[in-house]
């Protein structure tokens, strides 16, 4: 049987995912903060941009994944998608000074660039996962996805730290130059990483029920069957609620740092890196601990409950006025988010790996669709919620605190739902024995 991708080759593909994340994180962090704080525009504007970015992926990921199936050369799609990401990432930053003089023209240009960015992420990300899935040996698929996820988080952290260091003193020209450097650097990294990668043999070609080669199935019949399963529907509901609570803070944390604590653009960008660092620590620590004890549903619920407590602490942070304590709370929030991610990913593995109907990928697609919907609606709702609460409460800071409190309630409800819907299988069995591919949960 072919051995497929080696561990170094898998790590190379993980670097490609890191490049994708590095381009996207600038939109959800620095660009978002500049629109709200430096330009003084409503938080719903960056919320709209990110929502458009995710909405496009919801439509294009299946279509472009199928197109790469027919084309055969997935690396061509990956590099083309990253090139589109690089151009559109710069396009978003170039629209910012236009907003300063002509708000609606600038918003229109930024919206167009966000749509193109979502298309680029779809063209690069979906074939990347498909390439890894079909060429990684079954015993290496779980490890391959874990490596990919960790490298993506590392890429986001490094991008936030580097851009934060280079961004002060702030200027629109400097921001566009940083975006261009990130895009070009990511594309060059992907070119090197994918060179010769498709020479690795396929592990097995997909076949239909009669044993004949298959490229497409009866999609609607299979989809209806999966949606008809109570367990799948319940877990998809958990993913939708938890990811809604998670994504609602994406566009408001950095502006909140600027409004409530007077942080500069560079300082608030570094704060985002600290949050993602906490996520990474939480994921690694939980993976190590979960290999020894605990059910997956308990880890998922603990992560949700810890996130709820962290949001309650954020509500009280401005009254204390301690920047160091605020930064520590953000790191704790990241750790709790990482714990939740491990529980959710492990549950997806268990809930799909035990089925022998050949629909594991479709089930993960259903869960992924719930995640994409949650991100699109959650990011927009979080930003718009700040504007509404600020108008009602007549205080910018209280507007953010109201949204944080709602997120705490949603994560508390998610903890209860996790105990009902997430897998009851012991984490030991999953992290030591599973070989199914991890889904790209929480991807920006």
Protein backbone atom coordinates (compact mmCIF):
# COMPACT_ATOMS: atom_id res chain seq x y z
CA UNK A 1 0.00 0.00 0.00
CA UNK A 2 1.42 3.47 -0.85
CA UNK A 3 2.85 5.38 2.09
CA UNK A 4 1.64 8.74 0.76
CA UNK A 5 2.92 12.02 2.13
CA UNK A 6 5.88 11.97 4.49
CA UNK A 7 5.85 13.98 7.71
CA UNK A 8 8.11 16.71 6.21
CA UNK A 9 5.75 16.99 3.24
CA UNK A 10 2.76 17.24 5.59
CA UNK A 11 4.53 20.01 7.49
CA UNK A 12 5.12 21.83 4.19
CA UNK A 13 1.38 21.77 3.47
CA UNK A 14 0.81 23.09 6.98
CA UNK A 15 2.94 26.09 6.07
CA UNK A 16 0.57 26.79 3.17
CA UNK A 17 -2.35 26.94 5.60
CA UNK A 18 -0.28 29.27 7.77
CA UNK A 19 0.19 31.56 4.76
CA UNK A 20 -3.58 31.66 4.16
CA UNK A 21 -4.24 32.50 7.80
CA UNK A 22 -1.61 35.23 7.78
CA UNK A 23 -3.34 37.08 4.95
CA UNK A 24 -6.82 36.80 6.45
CA UNK A 25 -5.91 37.81 10.02
CA UNK A 26 -5.00 41.35 8.92
CA UNK A 27 -8.64 41.91 7.86
CA UNK A 28 -10.14 40.64 11.10
CA UNK A 29 -7.72 42.47 13.40
CA UNK A 30 -5.81 45.55 12.23
CA UNK A 31 -8.08 46.68 9.40
CA UNK A 32 -11.08 46.25 11.68
CA UNK A 33 -9.52 48.37 14.42
CA UNK A 34 -8.44 51.13 12.00
CA UNK A 35 -11.97 51.46 10.60
CA UNK A 36 -13.54 51.77 14.06
CA UNK A 37 -10.92 53.75 15.99
CA UNK A 38 -8.78 55.75 13.53
CA UNK A 39 -11.61 56.45 11.05
CA UNK A 40 -14.35 56.64 13.70
CA UNK A 41 -16.83 54.60 11.62
CA UNK A 42 -19.48 52.17 12.95
CA UNK A 43 -18.27 48.71 13.98
CA UNK A 44 -20.86 47.20 11.64
CA UNK A 45 -18.73 48.20 8.63
CA UNK A 46 -15.82 45.80 9.33
CA UNK A 47 -18.47 43.32 10.44
CA UNK A 48 -19.98 43.52 6.97
CA UNK A 49 -16.55 43.01 5.34
CA UNK A 50 -15.79 39.86 7.32
CA UNK A 51 -19.33 38.54 6.86
CA UNK A 52 -18.95 38.94 3.10
CA UNK A 53 -15.63 37.11 3.25
CA UNK A 54 -17.25 34.11 4.98
CA UNK A 55 -20.48 34.18 2.97
CA UNK A 56 -18.52 33.82 -0.27
CA UNK A 57 -16.68 30.82 1.15
CA UNK A 58 -19.98 29.17 2.05
CA UNK A 59 -20.93 29.28 -1.63
CA UNK A 60 -17.58 28.79 -3.39
CA UNK A 61 -15.78 26.18 -1.29
CA UNK A 62 -17.85 23.23 -2.61
CA UNK A 63 -17.77 24.51 -6.18
CA UNK A 64 -14.04 25.22 -6.31
CA UNK A 65 -13.25 21.97 -4.52
CA UNK A 66 -15.18 20.08 -7.19
CA UNK A 67 -13.39 22.07 -9.92
CA UNK A 68 -10.02 21.02 -8.48
CA UNK A 69 -11.25 17.40 -8.48
CA UNK A 70 -11.87 17.62 -12.20
CA UNK A 71 -8.69 19.54 -12.94
CA UNK A 72 -6.47 17.11 -11.05
CA UNK A 73 -3.60 19.54 -10.28
CA UNK A 74 -4.59 20.87 -6.88
CA UNK A 75 -1.36 22.81 -6.35
CA UNK A 76 -2.33 25.06 -9.27
CA UNK A 77 -5.54 26.01 -7.47
CA UNK A 78 -3.68 26.52 -4.19
CA UNK A 79 -1.16 28.93 -5.67
CA UNK A 80 -3.78 30.73 -7.74
CA UNK A 81 -5.95 31.18 -4.67
CA UNK A 82 -3.06 32.55 -2.64
CA UNK A 83 -2.23 35.01 -5.42
CA UNK A 84 -5.82 36.25 -5.30
CA UNK A 85 -5.57 36.50 -1.49
CA UNK A 86 -2.40 38.60 -1.76
CA UNK A 87 -3.95 41.08 -4.22
CA UNK A 88 -7.28 41.39 -2.39
CA UNK A 89 -5.58 41.76 1.00
CA UNK A 90 -3.76 44.84 -0.29
CA UNK A 91 -7.01 46.00 -1.91
CA UNK A 92 -8.79 46.11 1.45
CA UNK A 93 -6.08 48.33 2.96
CA UNK A 94 -6.08 50.66 -0.09
CA UNK A 95 -9.80 51.26 0.45
CA UNK A 96 -9.21 52.66 3.95
CA UNK A 97 -7.91 56.14 2.99
CA UNK A 98 -10.79 56.36 0.50
CA UNK A 99 -13.21 55.82 3.41
CA UNK A 100 -11.64 58.83 5.11
CA UNK A 101 -12.75 61.18 2.33
CA UNK A 102 -15.67 59.31 0.74
CA UNK A 103 -17.17 56.83 3.18
CA UNK A 104 -19.50 54.88 0.89
CA UNK A 105 -17.09 54.64 -2.04
CA UNK A 106 -14.45 53.31 0.35
CA UNK A 107 -16.88 50.81 1.86
CA UNK A 108 -17.89 49.62 -1.61
CA UNK A 109 -14.25 49.11 -2.62
CA UNK A 110 -13.45 47.31 0.64
CA UNK A 111 -16.53 45.10 0.21
CA UNK A 112 -15.44 44.10 -3.28
CA UNK A 113 -11.94 43.32 -2.04
CA UNK A 114 -13.41 41.21 0.82
CA UNK A 115 -15.51 39.19 -1.61
CA UNK A 116 -12.43 38.53 -3.74
CA UNK A 117 -10.48 37.59 -0.61
CA UNK A 118 -13.14 35.02 0.29
CA UNK A 119 -12.89 33.59 -3.23
CA UNK A 120 -9.12 33.33 -2.89
CA UNK A 121 -9.37 31.55 0.45
CA UNK A 122 -11.88 29.11 -1.06
CA UNK A 123 -9.66 28.42 -4.08
CA UNK A 124 -6.58 27.83 -1.93
CA UNK A 125 -7.97 26.24 1.22
CA UNK A 126 -10.36 23.63 -0.14
CA UNK A 127 -7.92 21.98 -2.61
CA UNK A 128 -5.27 22.06 0.13
CA UNK A 129 -7.41 19.96 2.46
CA UNK A 130 -8.38 17.67 -0.42
CA UNK A 131 -4.73 17.16 -1.37
CA UNK A 132 -3.81 16.26 2.18
CA UNK A 133 -6.80 13.96 2.54
CA UNK A 134 -6.18 11.91 -0.59
CA UNK A 135 -2.38 11.62 -0.26
CA UNK A 136 -1.84 11.22 3.49
CA UNK A 137 -1.86 7.67 4.81
CA UNK A 138 -4.83 6.91 7.11
CA UNK A 139 -2.54 6.55 10.13
CA UNK A 140 -1.17 10.05 9.51
CA UNK A 141 -4.33 12.00 8.72
CA UNK A 142 -5.13 13.04 12.29
CA UNK A 143 -1.55 14.14 12.87
CA UNK A 144 -1.53 15.92 9.52
CA UNK A 145 -4.57 17.99 10.41
CA UNK A 146 -3.19 18.76 13.89
CA UNK A 147 0.10 19.97 12.40
CA UNK A 148 -1.79 22.08 9.87
CA UNK A 149 -3.92 23.71 12.54
CA UNK A 150 -1.00 24.45 14.87
CA UNK A 151 1.08 25.94 12.06
CA UNK A 152 -1.87 28.11 11.05
CA UNK A 153 -2.14 29.46 14.61
CA UNK A 154 1.62 30.03 14.70
CA UNK A 155 1.40 31.91 11.40
CA UNK A 156 -1.38 34.12 12.76
CA UNK A 157 0.60 34.84 15.94
CA UNK A 158 3.75 35.72 14.01
CA UNK A 159 1.82 37.93 11.61
CA UNK A 160 0.11 39.80 14.45
CA UNK A 161 3.39 40.29 16.30
CA UNK A 162 5.33 41.37 13.20
CA UNK A 163 2.68 43.71 11.85
CA UNK A 164 2.16 45.16 15.33
CA UNK A 165 5.88 45.93 15.61
CA UNK A 166 6.08 47.51 12.14
CA UNK A 167 2.81 49.43 12.23
CA UNK A 168 3.82 52.16 14.70
CA UNK A 169 3.88 55.05 13.87
CA UNK A 170 0.68 54.30 11.99
CA UNK A 171 0.01 55.40 8.41
CA UNK A 172 -2.19 54.01 5.63
CA UNK A 173 0.85 53.63 3.38
CA UNK A 174 2.67 51.60 6.01
CA UNK A 175 -0.36 49.34 6.50
CA UNK A 176 -0.66 48.67 2.74
CA UNK A 177 3.07 47.89 2.53
CA UNK A 178 2.74 45.40 5.40
CA UNK A 179 -0.27 43.76 3.72
CA UNK A 180 1.66 43.47 0.45
CA UNK A 181 4.68 41.98 2.19
CA UNK A 182 2.53 39.39 3.95
CA UNK A 183 0.75 38.44 0.71
CA UNK A 184 3.91 38.11 -1.38
CA UNK A 185 5.75 36.28 1.39
CA UNK A 186 2.88 33.83 1.80
CA UNK A 187 2.73 33.15 -1.94
CA UNK A 188 6.48 32.52 -2.16
CA UNK A 189 6.28 30.20 0.85
CA UNK A 190 3.44 28.26 -0.81
CA UNK A 191 5.37 27.94 -4.09
CA UNK A 192 8.29 26.36 -2.23
CA UNK A 193 6.04 24.22 -0.01
CA UNK A 194 3.97 22.71 -2.86
CA UNK A 195 6.89 22.06 -5.23
CA UNK A 196 6.75 18.37 -6.21
CA UNK A 197 4.19 17.63 -3.49
CA UNK A 198 1.75 15.94 -5.87
CA UNK A 199 4.33 13.34 -6.85
CA UNK A 200 3.35 11.53 -3.66
CA UNK A 201 0.99 8.65 -4.62
CA UNK A 202 -2.70 8.65 -3.83
CA UNK A 203 -3.59 6.26 -1.04
CA UNK A 204 -6.80 5.09 -2.69
CA UNK A 205 -9.04 6.34 -5.48
CA UNK A 206 -12.69 7.03 -4.57
CA UNK A 207 -15.13 4.36 -5.75
CA UNK A 208 -18.88 3.98 -5.82
CA UNK A 209 -20.97 1.17 -4.34
CA UNK A 210 -20.30 -1.06 -7.39
CA UNK A 211 -16.52 -0.65 -7.15
CA UNK A 212 -16.21 1.64 -10.16
CA UNK A 213 -14.14 4.84 -10.02
CA UNK A 214 -16.25 7.70 -8.70
CA UNK A 215 -15.80 11.47 -8.76
CA UNK A 216 -19.29 12.53 -7.80
CA UNK A 217 -22.03 10.90 -5.80
CA UNK A 218 -25.74 11.41 -5.38
CA UNK A 219 -25.10 14.44 -3.26
CA UNK A 220 -28.65 15.44 -2.38
CA UNK A 221 -29.62 11.90 -1.33
CA UNK A 222 -26.59 11.61 0.95
CA UNK A 223 -27.11 15.11 2.35
CA UNK A 224 -30.74 14.37 3.21
CA UNK A 225 -29.65 11.16 4.95
CA UNK A 226 -27.08 12.97 7.09
CA UNK A 227 -29.47 15.78 7.97
CA UNK A 228 -32.00 13.13 8.97
CA UNK A 229 -29.73 11.86 11.76
CA UNK A 230 -30.66 13.37 15.16
CA UNK A 231 -27.05 13.16 16.40
CA UNK A 232 -25.73 15.08 13.40
CA UNK A 233 -28.38 17.77 13.70
CA UNK A 234 -27.78 18.20 17.43
CA UNK A 235 -24.02 18.46 17.07
CA UNK A 236 -24.37 20.87 14.15
CA UNK A 237 -26.51 23.01 16.47
CA UNK A 238 -23.75 22.96 19.08
CA UNK A 239 -21.17 24.03 16.49
CA UNK A 240 -23.46 26.82 15.27
CA UNK A 241 -24.11 28.22 18.76
CA UNK A 242 -20.55 27.89 20.09
CA UNK A 243 -18.92 29.28 16.95
CA UNK A 244 -21.42 32.15 16.91
CA UNK A 245 -20.34 33.05 20.44
CA UNK A 246 -16.66 32.66 19.49
CA UNK A 247 -16.76 34.69 16.28
CA UNK A 248 -18.73 37.61 17.75
CA UNK A 249 -15.57 38.88 19.48
CA UNK A 250 -13.34 38.78 16.38
CA UNK A 251 -14.09 42.34 15.31
CA UNK A 252 -14.61 44.02 18.67
CA UNK A 253 -11.66 42.98 20.85
CA UNK A 254 -9.09 45.30 19.25
CA UNK A 255 -11.39 48.35 19.03
CA UNK A 256 -12.40 47.70 22.65
CA UNK A 257 -8.72 47.75 23.64
CA UNK A 258 -8.33 51.11 21.91
CA UNK A 259 -11.53 52.67 23.32
CA UNK A 260 -11.36 51.33 26.90
CA UNK A 261 -7.60 51.22 27.50
CA UNK A 262 -6.16 53.66 24.96
CA UNK A 263 -4.00 51.07 23.21
CA UNK A 264 -2.29 52.11 19.96
CA UNK A 265 -2.89 50.14 16.72
CA UNK A 266 0.39 48.29 17.23
CA UNK A 267 -0.43 47.43 20.85
CA UNK A 268 -3.93 46.17 20.07
CA UNK A 269 -2.60 44.09 17.16
CA UNK A 270 -0.11 42.50 19.53
CA UNK A 271 -3.01 41.82 21.90
CA UNK A 272 -4.66 39.76 19.15
CA UNK A 273 -1.44 37.78 18.87
CA UNK A 274 -1.54 37.15 22.62
CA UNK A 275 -5.09 35.81 22.30
CA UNK A 276 -4.09 33.40 19.54
CA UNK A 277 -1.08 32.38 21.61
CA UNK A 278 -3.48 31.42 24.38
CA UNK A 279 -5.51 29.38 21.87
CA UNK A 280 -2.37 27.51 20.86
CA UNK A 281 -1.41 26.81 24.48
CA UNK A 282 -4.93 25.64 25.26
CA UNK A 283 -5.00 23.26 22.30
CA UNK A 284 -1.60 21.71 23.01
CA UNK A 285 -2.19 21.38 26.76
CA UNK A 286 -5.66 19.87 26.27
CA UNK A 287 -4.44 17.42 23.64
CA UNK A 288 -1.79 16.18 26.07
CA UNK A 289 -4.18 15.97 29.03
CA UNK A 290 -7.02 14.47 26.96
CA UNK A 291 -4.72 11.64 25.94
CA UNK A 292 -4.85 10.50 29.57
CA UNK A 293 -8.37 11.11 30.83
CA UNK A 294 -11.79 12.58 30.17
CA UNK A 295 -14.61 12.30 27.68
CA UNK A 296 -14.65 14.57 24.66
CA UNK A 297 -17.96 16.14 25.68
CA UNK A 298 -16.42 17.13 29.02
CA UNK A 299 -13.49 18.90 27.34
CA UNK A 300 -15.80 20.71 24.92
CA UNK A 301 -18.07 21.81 27.76
CA UNK A 302 -15.12 22.90 29.91
CA UNK A 303 -13.78 25.06 27.10
CA UNK A 304 -17.16 26.71 26.60
CA UNK A 305 -17.62 27.30 30.33
CA UNK A 306 -14.10 28.74 30.66
CA UNK A 307 -14.79 31.08 27.75
CA UNK A 308 -17.99 32.26 29.43
CA UNK A 309 -16.10 33.04 32.66
CA UNK A 310 -13.41 34.93 30.70
CA UNK A 311 -16.04 37.11 29.03
CA UNK A 312 -17.55 37.95 32.41
CA UNK A 313 -14.06 38.99 33.53
CA UNK A 314 -13.75 41.22 30.45
CA UNK A 315 -16.96 42.97 31.49
CA UNK A 316 -15.31 43.96 34.78
CA UNK A 317 -11.90 44.83 33.32
CA UNK A 318 -12.50 48.54 32.47
CA UNK A 319 -13.60 49.28 36.05
CA UNK A 320 -10.24 48.00 37.30
CA UNK A 321 -8.28 49.99 34.70
CA UNK A 322 -5.28 47.64 34.74
CA UNK A 323 -3.91 47.02 31.24
CA UNK A 324 -1.80 44.06 32.39
CA UNK A 325 -4.82 42.38 33.97
CA UNK A 326 -6.82 43.02 30.78
CA UNK A 327 -4.10 41.37 28.69
CA UNK A 328 -4.01 38.40 31.10
CA UNK A 329 -7.79 37.96 30.76
CA UNK A 330 -7.47 37.95 26.97
CA UNK A 331 -4.81 35.22 27.18
CA UNK A 332 -7.05 33.15 29.50
CA UNK A 333 -9.89 33.58 27.00
CA UNK A 334 -7.60 32.22 24.28
CA UNK A 335 -6.67 29.20 26.42
CA UNK A 336 -10.35 28.43 27.04
CA UNK A 337 -11.08 28.77 23.32
CA UNK A 338 -8.28 26.26 22.64
CA UNK A 339 -9.78 23.76 25.08
CA UNK A 340 -13.16 24.13 23.36
CA UNK A 341 -11.53 23.58 19.95
CA UNK A 342 -9.93 20.29 20.98
CA UNK A 343 -13.20 18.99 22.40
CA UNK A 344 -15.11 19.99 19.25
CA UNK A 345 -12.51 18.57 16.85
CA UNK A 346 -12.25 15.31 18.77
CA UNK A 347 -16.03 14.97 18.83
CA UNK A 348 -16.19 15.48 15.07
CA UNK A 349 -13.63 12.71 14.66
CA UNK A 350 -15.58 10.34 16.87
CA UNK A 351 -19.01 11.17 15.42
CA UNK A 352 -17.83 10.60 11.85
CA UNK A 353 -15.18 7.92 12.27
CA UNK A 354 -17.57 5.33 13.71
CA UNK A 355 -19.78 5.38 10.62
CA UNK A 356 -19.21 2.90 7.81
CA UNK A 357 -21.48 4.49 5.22
CA UNK A 358 -18.75 6.43 3.43
CA UNK A 359 -20.23 9.80 4.35
CA UNK A 360 -17.63 11.03 6.85
CA UNK A 361 -16.57 13.87 4.57
CA UNK A 362 -20.16 14.94 4.02
CA UNK A 363 -20.83 14.96 7.77
CA UNK A 364 -17.78 17.12 8.32
CA UNK A 365 -19.06 19.33 5.51
CA UNK A 366 -22.39 19.76 7.31
CA UNK A 367 -20.57 20.71 10.51
CA UNK A 368 -18.29 23.00 8.51
CA UNK A 369 -21.29 24.70 6.92
CA UNK A 370 -22.66 25.37 10.40
CA UNK A 371 -19.30 26.90 11.35
CA UNK A 372 -19.18 29.12 8.26
CA UNK A 373 -22.73 30.33 8.86
CA UNK A 374 -21.90 31.06 12.50
CA UNK A 375 -18.83 33.07 11.52
CA UNK A 376 -20.65 35.10 8.87
CA UNK A 377 -23.58 35.94 11.14
CA UNK A 378 -21.58 36.11 14.37
CA UNK A 379 -18.98 38.60 13.22
CA UNK A 380 -21.63 40.90 11.77
CA UNK A 381 -23.90 40.54 14.83
CA UNK A 382 -21.07 41.26 17.26
CA UNK A 383 -20.07 44.44 15.46
CA UNK A 384 -23.66 45.62 14.91
CA UNK A 385 -24.50 44.74 18.51
CA UNK A 386 -21.80 47.14 19.71
CA UNK A 387 -23.32 49.96 17.66
CA UNK A 388 -26.84 49.27 18.93
CA UNK A 389 -25.79 48.87 22.58
CA UNK A 390 -23.63 52.00 22.38
CA UNK A 391 -26.60 54.02 21.11
CA UNK A 392 -28.99 52.62 23.73
CA UNK A 393 -26.58 52.86 26.67
CA UNK A 394 -25.04 56.15 25.49
CA UNK A 395 -21.51 54.87 26.16
CA UNK A 396 -18.94 53.32 23.75
CA UNK A 397 -17.41 51.16 26.48
CA UNK A 398 -20.77 49.91 27.77
CA UNK A 399 -21.68 48.90 24.21
CA UNK A 400 -18.73 46.51 24.10
CA UNK A 401 -19.44 45.22 27.59
CA UNK A 402 -23.04 44.39 26.65
CA UNK A 403 -21.86 42.24 23.73
CA UNK A 404 -19.28 40.48 25.95
CA UNK A 405 -22.04 39.66 28.41
CA UNK A 406 -24.21 38.17 25.65
CA UNK A 407 -21.24 36.07 24.51
CA UNK A 408 -20.80 34.77 28.06
CA UNK A 409 -24.44 33.65 28.10
CA UNK A 410 -24.13 31.97 24.69
CA UNK A 411 -20.99 30.08 25.73
CA UNK A 412 -22.73 28.99 28.94
CA UNK A 413 -25.59 27.58 26.86
CA UNK A 414 -23.05 25.96 24.53
CA UNK A 415 -21.50 24.15 27.49
CA UNK A 416 -24.86 22.57 28.31
CA UNK A 417 -25.43 21.64 24.66
CA UNK A 418 -21.94 20.11 24.42
CA UNK A 419 -22.78 17.70 27.23
CA UNK A 420 -25.77 16.49 25.19
CA UNK A 421 -24.37 16.53 21.64
CA UNK A 422 -20.59 16.05 21.76
CA UNK A 423 -19.14 12.55 21.77
CA UNK A 424 -19.20 10.49 24.96
CA UNK A 425 -16.18 8.56 23.78
CA UNK A 426 -13.11 8.86 25.96
CA UNK A 427 -10.56 11.26 24.55
CA UNK A 428 -7.84 8.62 24.95
CA UNK A 429 -9.39 6.50 22.21
CA UNK A 430 -9.53 9.40 19.79
CA UNK A 431 -6.16 11.03 20.23
CA UNK A 432 -4.22 7.78 20.43
CA UNK A 433 -6.03 5.58 17.96
CA UNK A 434 -8.04 7.69 15.47
CA UNK A 435 -6.71 8.19 11.96
CA UNK A 436 -9.55 10.24 10.49
CA UNK A 437 -8.73 13.63 9.15
CA UNK A 438 -9.41 16.55 11.49
CA UNK A 439 -11.74 19.19 10.06
CA UNK A 440 -10.65 22.78 9.57
CA UNK A 441 -12.64 24.04 12.54
CA UNK A 442 -12.23 27.81 13.62
CA UNK A 443 -10.42 28.70 10.39
CA UNK A 444 -10.19 32.64 9.59
